[in-house]
Amino acid sequence: MLMAKGGDLKRELMDILACPVCKGELELRVETEEENEIIIGSLICHQCDETYPIEDAIPNMLPPHMRTTE
């Protein structure tokens, strides 16, 4: 639901994304983009002040307390 075919985050999916913590609107910040595919960036919720990273075109939409760090 969050990603297009192949697991890639596409700009047009921003209309259906919401913060998993508070259901607030997300702002997209892009660092690297290729042909309408976000490669590196973040999704920011200003309502609850959470940030969700996008790495290798895959958004990590887990709430912060559920993320693992390696």
PDB file of N, CA and C in Angstrom:
ATOM      1  N   MET A   1       0.811  -1.191   0.000  1.00  0.00           N
ATOM      2  CA  MET A   1       0.000   0.000   0.000  1.00  0.00           C
ATOM      3  C   MET A   1       0.855   1.257   0.000  1.00  0.00           C
ATOM      4  N   LEU A   2       1.990   1.229   0.691  1.00  0.00           N
ATOM      5  CA  LEU A   2       2.859   2.394   0.745  1.00  0.00           C
ATOM      6  C   LEU A   2       3.755   2.511  -0.472  1.00  0.00           C
ATOM      7  N   MET A   3       3.983   1.389  -1.136  1.00  0.00           N
ATOM      8  CA  MET A   3       4.961   1.386  -2.203  1.00  0.00           C
ATOM      9  C   MET A   3       4.340   0.935  -3.516  1.00  0.00           C
ATOM     10  N   ALA A   4       4.939   1.344  -4.578  1.00  0.00           N
ATOM     11  CA  ALA A   4       4.505   0.918  -5.909  1.00  0.00           C
ATOM     12  C   ALA A   4       5.092  -0.450  -6.205  1.00  0.00           C
ATOM     13  N   LYS A   5       4.758  -0.991  -7.341  1.00  0.00           N
ATOM     14  CA  LYS A   5       5.276  -2.294  -7.758  1.00  0.00           C
ATOM     15  C   LYS A   5       6.788  -2.336  -7.618  1.00  0.00           C
ATOM     16  N   GLY A   6       7.287  -3.394  -7.000  1.00  0.00           N
ATOM     17  CA  GLY A   6       8.716  -3.535  -6.814  1.00  0.00           C
ATOM     18  C   GLY A   6       9.207  -2.915  -5.515  1.00  0.00           C
ATOM     19  N   GLY A   7       8.304  -2.326  -4.698  1.00  0.00           N
ATOM     20  CA  GLY A   7       8.698  -1.787  -3.410  1.00  0.00           C
ATOM     21  C   GLY A   7       9.240  -0.375  -3.444  1.00  0.00           C
ATOM     22  N   ASP A   8       9.100   0.331  -4.550  1.00  0.00           N
ATOM     23  CA  ASP A   8       9.659   1.664  -4.686  1.00  0.00           C
ATOM     24  C   ASP A   8       8.653   2.732  -4.294  1.00  0.00           C
ATOM     25  N   LEU A   9       9.129   3.757  -3.617  1.00  0.00           N
ATOM     26  CA  LEU A   9       8.263   4.861  -3.224  1.00  0.00           C
ATOM     27  C   LEU A   9       8.124   5.837  -4.381  1.00  0.00           C
ATOM     28  N   LYS A  10       6.920   6.102  -4.793  1.00  0.00           N
ATOM     29  CA  LYS A  10       6.620   7.021  -5.890  1.00  0.00           C
ATOM     30  C   LYS A  10       5.954   8.272  -5.334  1.00  0.00           C
ATOM     31  N   ARG A  11       6.216   9.404  -5.955  1.00  0.00           N
ATOM     32  CA  ARG A  11       5.627  10.673  -5.518  1.00  0.00           C
ATOM     33  C   ARG A  11       4.109  10.644  -5.454  1.00  0.00           C
ATOM     34  N   GLU A  12       3.483   9.998  -6.431  1.00  0.00           N
ATOM     35  CA  GLU A  12       2.029  10.014  -6.473  1.00  0.00           C
ATOM     36  C   GLU A  12       1.377   9.295  -5.292  1.00  0.00           C
ATOM     37  N   LEU A  13       2.129   8.492  -4.556  1.00  0.00           N
ATOM     38  CA  LEU A  13       1.589   7.809  -3.384  1.00  0.00           C
ATOM     39  C   LEU A  13       1.511   8.715  -2.158  1.00  0.00           C
ATOM     40  N   MET A  14       2.098   9.894  -2.223  1.00  0.00           N
ATOM     41  CA  MET A  14       2.075  10.808  -1.084  1.00  0.00           C
ATOM     42  C   MET A  14       0.650  11.191  -0.689  1.00  0.00           C
ATOM     43  N   ASP A  15      -0.276  11.174  -1.636  1.00  0.00           N
ATOM     44  CA  ASP A  15      -1.663  11.534  -1.340  1.00  0.00           C
ATOM     45  C   ASP A  15      -2.339  10.552  -0.389  1.00  0.00           C
ATOM     46  N   ILE A  16      -1.862   9.316  -0.335  1.00  0.00           N
ATOM     47  CA  ILE A  16      -2.506   8.320   0.517  1.00  0.00           C
ATOM     48  C   ILE A  16      -1.715   7.988   1.779  1.00  0.00           C
ATOM     49  N   LEU A  17      -0.521   8.520   1.912  1.00  0.00           N
ATOM     50  CA  LEU A  17       0.296   8.238   3.093  1.00  0.00           C
ATOM     51  C   LEU A  17      -0.112   9.121   4.263  1.00  0.00           C
ATOM     52  N   ALA A  18      -0.044   8.562   5.464  1.00  0.00           N
ATOM     53  CA  ALA A  18      -0.295   9.311   6.691  1.00  0.00           C
ATOM     54  C   ALA A  18       0.665   8.799   7.761  1.00  0.00           C
ATOM     55  N   CYS A  19       0.900   9.621   8.750  1.00  0.00           N
ATOM     56  CA  CYS A  19       1.776   9.237   9.863  1.00  0.00           C
ATOM     57  C   CYS A  19       1.170   8.039  10.590  1.00  0.00           C
ATOM     58  N   PRO A  20       1.945   6.974  10.799  1.00  0.00           N
ATOM     59  CA  PRO A  20       1.409   5.802  11.495  1.00  0.00           C
ATOM     60  C   PRO A  20       1.175   6.052  12.985  1.00  0.00           C
ATOM     61  N   VAL A  21       1.773   7.101  13.539  1.00  0.00           N
ATOM     62  CA  VAL A  21       1.617   7.399  14.963  1.00  0.00           C
ATOM     63  C   VAL A  21       0.348   8.207  15.224  1.00  0.00           C
ATOM     64  N   CYS A  22       0.170   9.316  14.479  1.00  0.00           N
ATOM     65  CA  CYS A  22      -0.946  10.226  14.761  1.00  0.00           C
ATOM     66  C   CYS A  22      -1.921  10.391  13.591  1.00  0.00           C
ATOM     67  N   LYS A  23      -1.616   9.779  12.461  1.00  0.00           N
ATOM     68  CA  LYS A  23      -2.422   9.879  11.230  1.00  0.00           C
ATOM     69  C   LYS A  23      -2.353  11.257  10.585  1.00  0.00           C
ATOM     70  N   GLY A  24      -1.363  12.053  10.970  1.00  0.00           N
ATOM     71  CA  GLY A  24      -1.181  13.383  10.400  1.00  0.00           C
ATOM     72  C   GLY A  24      -0.607  13.334   8.998  1.00  0.00           C
ATOM     73  N   GLU A  25      -0.657  14.480   8.340  1.00  0.00           N
ATOM     74  CA  GLU A  25      -0.122  14.613   6.984  1.00  0.00           C
ATOM     75  C   GLU A  25       1.404  14.561   7.025  1.00  0.00           C
ATOM     76  N   LEU A  26       1.996  13.954   5.997  1.00  0.00           N
ATOM     77  CA  LEU A  26       3.443  13.829   5.918  1.00  0.00           C
ATOM     78  C   LEU A  26       4.011  14.758   4.861  1.00  0.00           C
ATOM     79  N   GLU A  27       5.152  15.368   5.186  1.00  0.00           N
ATOM     80  CA  GLU A  27       5.887  16.192   4.228  1.00  0.00           C
ATOM     81  C   GLU A  27       7.023  15.348   3.667  1.00  0.00           C
ATOM     82  N   LEU A  28       7.194  15.376   2.367  1.00  0.00           N
ATOM     83  CA  LEU A  28       8.263  14.629   1.704  1.00  0.00           C
ATOM     84  C   LEU A  28       9.472  15.528   1.523  1.00  0.00           C
ATOM     85  N   ARG A  29      10.621  15.058   1.992  1.00  0.00           N
ATOM     86  CA  ARG A  29      11.890  15.738   1.744  1.00  0.00           C
ATOM     87  C   ARG A  29      12.760  14.774   0.963  1.00  0.00           C
ATOM     88  N   VAL A  30      13.181  15.202  -0.210  1.00  0.00           N
ATOM     89  CA  VAL A  30      13.922  14.341  -1.139  1.00  0.00           C
ATOM     90  C   VAL A  30      15.387  14.741  -1.178  1.00  0.00           C
ATOM     91  N   GLU A  31      16.256  13.754  -1.011  1.00  0.00           N
ATOM     92  CA  GLU A  31      17.692  13.966  -1.183  1.00  0.00           C
ATOM     93  C   GLU A  31      18.136  13.456  -2.553  1.00  0.00           C
ATOM     94  N   THR A  32      17.617  12.277  -2.950  1.00  0.00           N
ATOM     95  CA  THR A  32      17.955  11.685  -4.239  1.00  0.00           C
ATOM     96  C   THR A  32      16.684  11.133  -4.875  1.00  0.00           C
ATOM     97  N   GLU A  33      16.491  11.472  -6.154  1.00  0.00           N
ATOM     98  CA  GLU A  33      15.311  11.022  -6.889  1.00  0.00           C
ATOM     99  C   GLU A  33      15.731  10.634  -8.300  1.00  0.00           C
ATOM    100  N   GLU A  34      15.146   9.546  -8.796  1.00  0.00           N
ATOM    101  CA  GLU A  34      15.406   9.099 -10.163  1.00  0.00           C
ATOM    102  C   GLU A  34      14.081   8.753 -10.819  1.00  0.00           C
ATOM    103  N   GLU A  35      13.721   9.490 -11.867  1.00  0.00           N
ATOM    104  CA  GLU A  35      12.505   9.225 -12.637  1.00  0.00           C
ATOM    105  C   GLU A  35      11.271   9.051 -11.758  1.00  0.00           C
ATOM    106  N   ASN A  36      10.984  10.037 -10.921  1.00  0.00           N
ATOM    107  CA  ASN A  36       9.808  10.060 -10.055  1.00  0.00           C
ATOM    108  C   ASN A  36       9.846   9.007  -8.944  1.00  0.00           C
ATOM    109  N   GLU A  37      11.000   8.421  -8.691  1.00  0.00           N
ATOM    110  CA  GLU A  37      11.180   7.448  -7.617  1.00  0.00           C
ATOM    111  C   GLU A  37      12.099   8.073  -6.572  1.00  0.00           C
ATOM    112  N   ILE A  38      11.623   8.116  -5.328  1.00  0.00           N
ATOM    113  CA  ILE A  38      12.417   8.685  -4.247  1.00  0.00           C
ATOM    114  C   ILE A  38      13.405   7.623  -3.771  1.00  0.00           C
ATOM    115  N   ILE A  39      14.688   7.886  -3.919  1.00  0.00           N
ATOM    116  CA  ILE A  39      15.732   6.927  -3.539  1.00  0.00           C
ATOM    117  C   ILE A  39      16.165   7.152  -2.087  1.00  0.00           C
ATOM    118  N   ILE A  40      16.457   8.401  -1.740  1.00  0.00           N
ATOM    119  CA  ILE A  40      16.868   8.762  -0.378  1.00  0.00           C
ATOM    120  C   ILE A  40      16.100  10.014   0.021  1.00  0.00           C
ATOM    121  N   GLY A  41      15.591  10.006   1.234  1.00  0.00           N
ATOM    122  CA  GLY A  41      14.866  11.170   1.734  1.00  0.00           C
ATOM    123  C   GLY A  41      14.217  10.853   3.060  1.00  0.00           C
ATOM    124  N   SER A  42      13.147  11.570   3.357  1.00  0.00           N
ATOM    125  CA  SER A  42      12.434  11.338   4.601  1.00  0.00           C
ATOM    126  C   SER A  42      10.999  11.833   4.483  1.00  0.00           C
ATOM    127  N   LEU A  43      10.165  11.277   5.337  1.00  0.00           N
ATOM    128  CA  LEU A  43       8.782  11.698   5.482  1.00  0.00           C
ATOM    129  C   LEU A  43       8.670  12.302   6.873  1.00  0.00           C
ATOM    130  N   ILE A  44       8.181  13.526   6.957  1.00  0.00           N
ATOM    131  CA  ILE A  44       8.148  14.244   8.227  1.00  0.00           C
ATOM    132  C   ILE A  44       6.712  14.559   8.616  1.00  0.00           C
ATOM    133  N   CYS A  45       6.375  14.245   9.863  1.00  0.00           N
ATOM    134  CA  CYS A  45       5.074  14.601  10.419  1.00  0.00           C
ATOM    135  C   CYS A  45       5.292  15.766  11.367  1.00  0.00           C
ATOM    136  N   HIS A  46       4.752  16.921  11.012  1.00  0.00           N
ATOM    137  CA  HIS A  46       4.909  18.098  11.866  1.00  0.00           C
ATOM    138  C   HIS A  46       3.932  18.065  13.033  1.00  0.00           C
ATOM    139  N   GLN A  47       2.889  17.262  12.917  1.00  0.00           N
ATOM    140  CA  GLN A  47       1.884  17.173  13.975  1.00  0.00           C
ATOM    141  C   GLN A  47       2.435  16.493  15.229  1.00  0.00           C
ATOM    142  N   CYS A  48       3.177  15.386  15.056  1.00  0.00           N
ATOM    143  CA  CYS A  48       3.743  14.691  16.227  1.00  0.00           C
ATOM    144  C   CYS A  48       5.270  14.726  16.243  1.00  0.00           C
ATOM    145  N   ASP A  49       5.856  15.458  15.292  1.00  0.00           N
ATOM    146  CA  ASP A  49       7.305  15.679  15.237  1.00  0.00           C
ATOM    147  C   ASP A  49       8.109  14.392  15.066  1.00  0.00           C
ATOM    148  N   GLU A  50       7.614  13.494  14.210  1.00  0.00           N
ATOM    149  CA  GLU A  50       8.336  12.259  13.900  1.00  0.00           C
ATOM    150  C   GLU A  50       8.862  12.324  12.471  1.00  0.00           C
ATOM    151  N   THR A  51       9.980  11.626  12.235  1.00  0.00           N
ATOM    152  CA  THR A  51      10.578  11.547  10.907  1.00  0.00           C
ATOM    153  C   THR A  51      10.760  10.086  10.539  1.00  0.00           C
ATOM    154  N   TYR A  52      10.378   9.753   9.306  1.00  0.00           N
ATOM    155  CA  TYR A  52      10.481   8.391   8.793  1.00  0.00           C
ATOM    156  C   TYR A  52      11.455   8.397   7.629  1.00  0.00           C
ATOM    157  N   PRO A  53      12.566   7.671   7.745  1.00  0.00           N
ATOM    158  CA  PRO A  53      13.587   7.690   6.683  1.00  0.00           C
ATOM    159  C   PRO A  53      13.174   6.909   5.449  1.00  0.00           C
ATOM    160  N   ILE A  54      13.690   7.347   4.310  1.00  0.00           N
ATOM    161  CA  ILE A  54      13.556   6.627   3.044  1.00  0.00           C
ATOM    162  C   ILE A  54      14.980   6.300   2.609  1.00  0.00           C
ATOM    163  N   GLU A  55      15.286   5.020   2.498  1.00  0.00           N
ATOM    164  CA  GLU A  55      16.609   4.575   2.080  1.00  0.00           C
ATOM    165  C   GLU A  55      16.453   3.494   1.019  1.00  0.00           C
ATOM    166  N   ASP A  56      17.232   3.587  -0.042  1.00  0.00           N
ATOM    167  CA  ASP A  56      17.158   2.628  -1.150  1.00  0.00           C
ATOM    168  C   ASP A  56      15.731   2.505  -1.680  1.00  0.00           C
ATOM    169  N   ALA A  57      15.012   3.629  -1.731  1.00  0.00           N
ATOM    170  CA  ALA A  57      13.642   3.729  -2.252  1.00  0.00           C
ATOM    171  C   ALA A  57      12.604   3.040  -1.378  1.00  0.00           C
ATOM    172  N   ILE A  58      12.967   2.708  -0.132  1.00  0.00           N
ATOM    173  CA  ILE A  58      12.037   2.033   0.767  1.00  0.00           C
ATOM    174  C   ILE A  58      11.809   2.895   2.002  1.00  0.00           C
ATOM    175  N   PRO A  59      10.548   3.320   2.230  1.00  0.00           N
ATOM    176  CA  PRO A  59      10.258   4.109   3.426  1.00  0.00           C
ATOM    177  C   PRO A  59      10.131   3.205   4.648  1.00  0.00           C
ATOM    178  N   ASN A  60      10.707   3.618   5.760  1.00  0.00           N
ATOM    179  CA  ASN A  60      10.570   2.894   7.018  1.00  0.00           C
ATOM    180  C   ASN A  60       9.443   3.567   7.787  1.00  0.00           C
ATOM    181  N   MET A  61       8.241   3.015   7.677  1.00  0.00           N
ATOM    182  CA  MET A  61       7.062   3.612   8.291  1.00  0.00           C
ATOM    183  C   MET A  61       6.741   3.026   9.661  1.00  0.00           C
ATOM    184  N   LEU A  62       7.679   2.294  10.242  1.00  0.00           N
ATOM    185  CA  LEU A  62       7.468   1.795  11.593  1.00  0.00           C
ATOM    186  C   LEU A  62       7.523   2.956  12.580  1.00  0.00           C
ATOM    187  N   PRO A  63       6.684   2.939  13.606  1.00  0.00           N
ATOM    188  CA  PRO A  63       6.816   3.949  14.651  1.00  0.00           C
ATOM    189  C   PRO A  63       8.216   3.872  15.251  1.00  0.00           C
ATOM    190  N   PRO A  64       8.759   4.994  15.680  1.00  0.00           N
ATOM    191  CA  PRO A  64      10.150   5.046  16.161  1.00  0.00           C
ATOM    192  C   PRO A  64      10.496   3.997  17.224  1.00  0.00           C
ATOM    193  N   HIS A  65       9.594   3.699  18.135  1.00  0.00           N
ATOM    194  CA  HIS A  65       9.903   2.733  19.180  1.00  0.00           C
ATOM    195  C   HIS A  65       9.991   1.296  18.664  1.00  0.00           C
ATOM    196  N   MET A  66       9.559   1.061  17.421  1.00  0.00           N
ATOM    197  CA  MET A  66       9.600  -0.288  16.843  1.00  0.00           C
ATOM    198  C   MET A  66      10.767  -0.476  15.879  1.00  0.00           C
ATOM    199  N   ARG A  67      11.515   0.581  15.591  1.00  0.00           N
ATOM    200  CA  ARG A  67      12.647   0.477  14.665  1.00  0.00           C
ATOM    201  C   ARG A  67      13.852  -0.138  15.362  1.00  0.00           C
ATOM    202  N   THR A  68      14.610  -0.896  14.582  1.00  0.00           N
ATOM    203  CA  THR A  68      15.862  -1.421  15.109  1.00  0.00           C
ATOM    204  C   THR A  68      16.997  -0.634  14.494  1.00  0.00           C
ATOM    205  N   THR A  69      18.047  -0.472  15.233  1.00  0.00           N
ATOM    206  CA  THR A  69      19.237   0.191  14.709  1.00  0.00           C
ATOM    207  C   THR A  69      20.337  -0.831  14.600  1.00  0.00           C
ATOM    208  N   GLU A  70      21.042  -0.777  13.495  1.00  0.00           N
ATOM    209  CA  GLU A  70      22.131  -1.735  13.267  1.00  0.00           C
ATOM    210  C   GLU A  70      23.439  -1.011  13.177  1.00  0.00           C
TER     211      GLU A  70
END
